């Protein structure tokens, strides 16, 4: 995992008890949103601009970045492509 993401997670856990308590339960959804936000910010693109270039509403971009539960893979792929990125899926053994 990227150090920027890890740093963000630790800061958020310290600032928000609810987030810290529910972190493990929602980690995968959070990770998707954090990766999308990080890619957007690194590209220097606002949510508004990303909405225009991906043809997705700004409110949907915000929703993806902040709580990506039940997100469609096609939507994540569309946003990634708009940022010049690709989505990679990996299947691993369940723990």
N, C-alpha and C. Protein backbone atom coordinates (compact mmCIF):
# COMPACT_ATOMS: atom_id res chain seq x y z
N UNK A 1 0.85 -1.17 0.00
CA UNK A 1 0.00 0.00 0.00
C UNK A 1 0.89 1.24 0.00
N UNK A 2 0.43 2.26 -0.65
CA UNK A 2 1.18 3.50 -0.77
C UNK A 2 1.31 4.19 0.59
N UNK A 3 2.49 4.75 0.87
CA UNK A 3 2.72 5.43 2.15
C UNK A 3 1.78 6.60 2.35
N UNK A 4 1.42 7.33 1.29
CA UNK A 4 0.48 8.44 1.41
C UNK A 4 -0.87 7.94 1.91
N UNK A 5 -1.30 6.81 1.40
CA UNK A 5 -2.57 6.24 1.83
C UNK A 5 -2.48 5.79 3.28
N UNK A 6 -1.39 5.13 3.63
CA UNK A 6 -1.21 4.68 5.02
C UNK A 6 -1.20 5.87 5.98
N UNK A 7 -0.51 6.93 5.61
CA UNK A 7 -0.47 8.13 6.44
C UNK A 7 -1.87 8.71 6.61
N UNK A 8 -2.61 8.77 5.52
CA UNK A 8 -3.98 9.30 5.58
C UNK A 8 -4.83 8.44 6.52
N UNK A 9 -4.71 7.12 6.40
CA UNK A 9 -5.49 6.21 7.25
C UNK A 9 -5.17 6.46 8.72
N UNK A 10 -3.91 6.55 9.05
CA UNK A 10 -3.52 6.76 10.45
C UNK A 10 -4.03 8.11 10.97
N UNK A 11 -3.91 9.16 10.17
CA UNK A 11 -4.43 10.48 10.59
C UNK A 11 -5.94 10.41 10.80
N UNK A 12 -6.63 9.76 9.89
CA UNK A 12 -8.09 9.67 9.99
C UNK A 12 -8.50 8.84 11.20
N UNK A 13 -7.79 7.75 11.49
CA UNK A 13 -8.10 6.94 12.67
C UNK A 13 -7.96 7.75 13.95
N UNK A 14 -6.89 8.56 14.03
CA UNK A 14 -6.67 9.38 15.23
C UNK A 14 -7.74 10.46 15.37
N UNK A 15 -8.24 10.98 14.26
CA UNK A 15 -9.19 12.09 14.30
C UNK A 15 -10.65 11.65 14.44
N UNK A 16 -10.94 10.41 14.09
CA UNK A 16 -12.34 9.98 14.01
C UNK A 16 -12.49 8.59 14.63
N UNK A 17 -13.04 8.53 15.85
CA UNK A 17 -13.20 7.26 16.57
C UNK A 17 -14.10 6.28 15.82
N UNK A 18 -15.16 6.76 15.22
CA UNK A 18 -16.05 5.88 14.47
C UNK A 18 -15.32 5.25 13.31
N UNK A 19 -14.55 6.06 12.60
CA UNK A 19 -13.75 5.53 11.50
C UNK A 19 -12.81 4.45 12.00
N UNK A 20 -12.12 4.71 13.10
CA UNK A 20 -11.17 3.74 13.64
C UNK A 20 -11.87 2.45 14.03
N UNK A 21 -13.02 2.55 14.65
CA UNK A 21 -13.77 1.37 15.11
C UNK A 21 -14.22 0.51 13.93
N UNK A 22 -14.71 1.14 12.89
CA UNK A 22 -15.27 0.41 11.75
C UNK A 22 -14.27 0.19 10.62
N UNK A 23 -13.01 0.58 10.84
CA UNK A 23 -12.03 0.54 9.78
C UNK A 23 -11.91 -0.82 9.12
N UNK A 24 -11.72 -1.86 9.90
CA UNK A 24 -11.53 -3.18 9.32
C UNK A 24 -12.73 -3.64 8.50
N UNK A 25 -13.93 -3.29 8.97
CA UNK A 25 -15.14 -3.70 8.26
C UNK A 25 -15.27 -3.04 6.89
N UNK A 26 -14.87 -1.78 6.81
CA UNK A 26 -15.05 -1.05 5.56
C UNK A 26 -13.78 -0.79 4.81
N UNK A 27 -12.72 -1.48 5.16
CA UNK A 27 -11.41 -1.16 4.59
C UNK A 27 -11.37 -1.25 3.07
N UNK A 28 -11.91 -2.29 2.48
CA UNK A 28 -11.82 -2.44 1.03
C UNK A 28 -12.54 -1.31 0.30
N UNK A 29 -13.73 -0.94 0.76
CA UNK A 29 -14.43 0.18 0.13
C UNK A 29 -13.65 1.47 0.30
N UNK A 30 -13.09 1.69 1.48
CA UNK A 30 -12.31 2.89 1.73
C UNK A 30 -11.08 2.93 0.83
N UNK A 31 -10.42 1.79 0.69
CA UNK A 31 -9.19 1.72 -0.09
C UNK A 31 -9.45 2.13 -1.54
N UNK A 32 -10.54 1.70 -2.10
CA UNK A 32 -10.89 2.08 -3.47
C UNK A 32 -11.06 3.59 -3.55
N UNK A 33 -11.83 4.15 -2.64
CA UNK A 33 -12.05 5.60 -2.64
C UNK A 33 -10.78 6.38 -2.44
N UNK A 34 -9.93 5.92 -1.52
CA UNK A 34 -8.66 6.61 -1.25
C UNK A 34 -7.74 6.56 -2.47
N UNK A 35 -7.72 5.43 -3.14
CA UNK A 35 -6.87 5.32 -4.34
C UNK A 35 -7.38 6.24 -5.44
N UNK A 36 -8.70 6.32 -5.61
CA UNK A 36 -9.25 7.21 -6.63
C UNK A 36 -8.95 8.68 -6.30
N UNK A 37 -9.12 9.04 -5.04
CA UNK A 37 -8.85 10.42 -4.63
C UNK A 37 -7.37 10.74 -4.83
N UNK A 38 -6.51 9.83 -4.42
CA UNK A 38 -5.07 10.06 -4.56
C UNK A 38 -4.69 10.23 -6.03
N UNK A 39 -5.23 9.38 -6.90
CA UNK A 39 -4.92 9.48 -8.33
C UNK A 39 -5.41 10.82 -8.89
N UNK A 40 -6.59 11.24 -8.47
CA UNK A 40 -7.13 12.52 -8.94
C UNK A 40 -6.27 13.68 -8.47
N UNK A 41 -5.90 13.66 -7.19
CA UNK A 41 -5.10 14.75 -6.65
C UNK A 41 -3.71 14.79 -7.28
N UNK A 42 -3.11 13.63 -7.50
CA UNK A 42 -1.78 13.58 -8.14
C UNK A 42 -1.84 14.10 -9.57
N UNK A 43 -2.98 13.90 -10.23
CA UNK A 43 -3.15 14.40 -11.59
C UNK A 43 -3.46 15.90 -11.60
N UNK A 44 -3.70 16.47 -10.41
CA UNK A 44 -4.01 17.90 -10.32
C UNK A 44 -5.38 18.24 -10.87
N UNK A 45 -6.31 17.31 -10.72
CA UNK A 45 -7.65 17.46 -11.28
C UNK A 45 -8.66 17.64 -10.15
N UNK A 46 -9.56 18.59 -10.29
CA UNK A 46 -10.63 18.76 -9.30
C UNK A 46 -11.72 17.73 -9.55
N UNK A 47 -12.58 17.55 -8.56
CA UNK A 47 -13.73 16.66 -8.76
C UNK A 47 -14.59 17.16 -9.91
N UNK A 48 -14.75 18.46 -10.03
CA UNK A 48 -15.57 19.02 -11.09
C UNK A 48 -15.00 18.68 -12.47
N UNK A 49 -13.69 18.85 -12.62
CA UNK A 49 -13.07 18.55 -13.91
C UNK A 49 -13.15 17.06 -14.20
N UNK A 50 -12.90 16.22 -13.20
CA UNK A 50 -13.00 14.78 -13.40
C UNK A 50 -14.42 14.39 -13.79
N UNK A 51 -15.39 15.02 -13.21
CA UNK A 51 -16.78 14.75 -13.56
C UNK A 51 -17.02 15.06 -15.05
N UNK A 52 -16.49 16.20 -15.51
CA UNK A 52 -16.67 16.57 -16.92
C UNK A 52 -16.00 15.57 -17.85
N UNK A 53 -14.74 15.21 -17.55
CA UNK A 53 -14.01 14.37 -18.50
C UNK A 53 -14.44 12.90 -18.44
N UNK A 54 -15.04 12.48 -17.33
CA UNK A 54 -15.51 11.09 -17.24
C UNK A 54 -17.00 10.97 -17.50
N UNK A 55 -17.68 12.11 -17.64
CA UNK A 55 -19.13 12.15 -17.84
C UNK A 55 -19.87 11.45 -16.70
N UNK A 56 -19.40 11.73 -15.48
CA UNK A 56 -20.03 11.23 -14.26
C UNK A 56 -20.29 12.46 -13.39
N UNK A 57 -21.41 12.49 -12.70
CA UNK A 57 -21.73 13.64 -11.85
C UNK A 57 -20.67 13.85 -10.76
N UNK A 58 -20.42 15.13 -10.43
CA UNK A 58 -19.46 15.44 -9.39
C UNK A 58 -19.85 14.79 -8.07
N UNK A 59 -21.13 14.76 -7.77
CA UNK A 59 -21.58 14.14 -6.53
C UNK A 59 -21.26 12.64 -6.51
N UNK A 60 -21.28 12.00 -7.67
CA UNK A 60 -20.92 10.58 -7.75
C UNK A 60 -19.42 10.41 -7.53
N UNK A 61 -18.60 11.34 -8.05
CA UNK A 61 -17.16 11.29 -7.83
C UNK A 61 -16.89 11.42 -6.33
N UNK A 62 -17.53 12.37 -5.69
CA UNK A 62 -17.37 12.57 -4.25
C UNK A 62 -17.78 11.31 -3.49
N UNK A 63 -18.88 10.73 -3.87
CA UNK A 63 -19.37 9.51 -3.22
C UNK A 63 -18.34 8.38 -3.37
N UNK A 64 -17.80 8.22 -4.57
CA UNK A 64 -16.78 7.19 -4.80
C UNK A 64 -15.57 7.40 -3.89
N UNK A 65 -15.14 8.64 -3.78
CA UNK A 65 -13.94 8.94 -2.99
C UNK A 65 -14.17 8.80 -1.49
N UNK A 66 -15.37 9.03 -1.05
CA UNK A 66 -15.63 9.06 0.39
C UNK A 66 -16.27 7.81 0.97
N UNK A 67 -16.99 7.07 0.19
CA UNK A 67 -17.58 5.81 0.67
C UNK A 67 -17.99 4.99 -0.54
N UNK A 68 -17.03 4.22 -1.05
CA UNK A 68 -17.19 3.50 -2.31
C UNK A 68 -17.87 2.14 -2.16
N UNK A 69 -18.77 2.00 -1.21
CA UNK A 69 -19.48 0.74 -1.03
C UNK A 69 -20.37 0.47 -2.24
N UNK A 70 -20.42 -0.77 -2.66
CA UNK A 70 -21.27 -1.20 -3.78
C UNK A 70 -21.00 -0.44 -5.07
N UNK A 71 -19.78 -0.06 -5.29
CA UNK A 71 -19.41 0.66 -6.51
C UNK A 71 -19.31 -0.33 -7.67
N UNK A 72 -19.71 0.11 -8.83
CA UNK A 72 -19.62 -0.73 -10.02
C UNK A 72 -18.21 -0.67 -10.59
N UNK A 73 -17.71 -1.80 -10.99
CA UNK A 73 -16.38 -1.87 -11.59
C UNK A 73 -16.31 -0.99 -12.83
N UNK A 74 -17.37 -0.95 -13.61
CA UNK A 74 -17.37 -0.12 -14.82
C UNK A 74 -17.21 1.36 -14.47
N UNK A 75 -17.76 1.79 -13.35
CA UNK A 75 -17.62 3.19 -12.92
C UNK A 75 -16.19 3.47 -12.49
N UNK A 76 -15.61 2.57 -11.70
CA UNK A 76 -14.22 2.74 -11.28
C UNK A 76 -13.31 2.77 -12.50
N UNK A 77 -13.54 1.89 -13.45
CA UNK A 77 -12.73 1.85 -14.67
C UNK A 77 -12.86 3.13 -15.47
N UNK A 78 -14.06 3.67 -15.54
CA UNK A 78 -14.31 4.91 -16.28
C UNK A 78 -13.55 6.08 -15.66
N UNK A 79 -13.60 6.17 -14.34
CA UNK A 79 -12.89 7.23 -13.63
C UNK A 79 -11.38 7.04 -13.80
N UNK A 80 -10.92 5.81 -13.67
CA UNK A 80 -9.49 5.54 -13.84
C UNK A 80 -9.01 5.94 -15.23
N UNK A 81 -9.76 5.57 -16.25
CA UNK A 81 -9.38 5.93 -17.62
C UNK A 81 -9.33 7.44 -17.81
N UNK A 82 -10.27 8.14 -17.20
CA UNK A 82 -10.29 9.61 -17.30
C UNK A 82 -9.04 10.22 -16.67
N UNK A 83 -8.42 9.50 -15.74
CA UNK A 83 -7.20 9.96 -15.09
C UNK A 83 -5.94 9.38 -15.72
N UNK A 84 -6.13 8.66 -16.83
CA UNK A 84 -4.98 8.05 -17.50
C UNK A 84 -4.48 6.81 -16.80
N UNK A 85 -5.33 6.17 -16.04
CA UNK A 85 -4.98 4.98 -15.27
C UNK A 85 -5.79 3.78 -15.76
N UNK A 86 -5.41 2.61 -15.28
CA UNK A 86 -6.14 1.38 -15.56
C UNK A 86 -6.42 0.69 -14.23
N UNK A 87 -7.43 -0.15 -14.21
CA UNK A 87 -7.79 -0.91 -13.01
C UNK A 87 -7.22 -2.31 -13.16
N UNK A 88 -6.61 -2.79 -12.09
CA UNK A 88 -6.09 -4.16 -12.06
C UNK A 88 -6.79 -4.88 -10.93
N UNK A 89 -7.31 -6.07 -11.21
CA UNK A 89 -7.99 -6.88 -10.22
C UNK A 89 -7.15 -8.11 -9.93
N UNK A 90 -7.06 -8.45 -8.67
CA UNK A 90 -6.26 -9.60 -8.27
C UNK A 90 -7.10 -10.47 -7.34
N UNK A 91 -7.17 -11.74 -7.62
CA UNK A 91 -7.85 -12.68 -6.74
C UNK A 91 -6.78 -13.36 -5.88
N UNK A 92 -7.02 -13.38 -4.58
CA UNK A 92 -6.09 -13.98 -3.65
C UNK A 92 -6.83 -14.96 -2.75
N UNK A 93 -6.08 -15.81 -2.08
CA UNK A 93 -6.68 -16.76 -1.16
C UNK A 93 -7.38 -16.00 -0.03
N UNK A 94 -8.55 -16.48 0.35
CA UNK A 94 -9.27 -15.88 1.48
C UNK A 94 -8.55 -16.22 2.76
N UNK A 95 -8.57 -15.29 3.69
CA UNK A 95 -7.89 -15.55 4.97
C UNK A 95 -8.86 -16.03 6.01
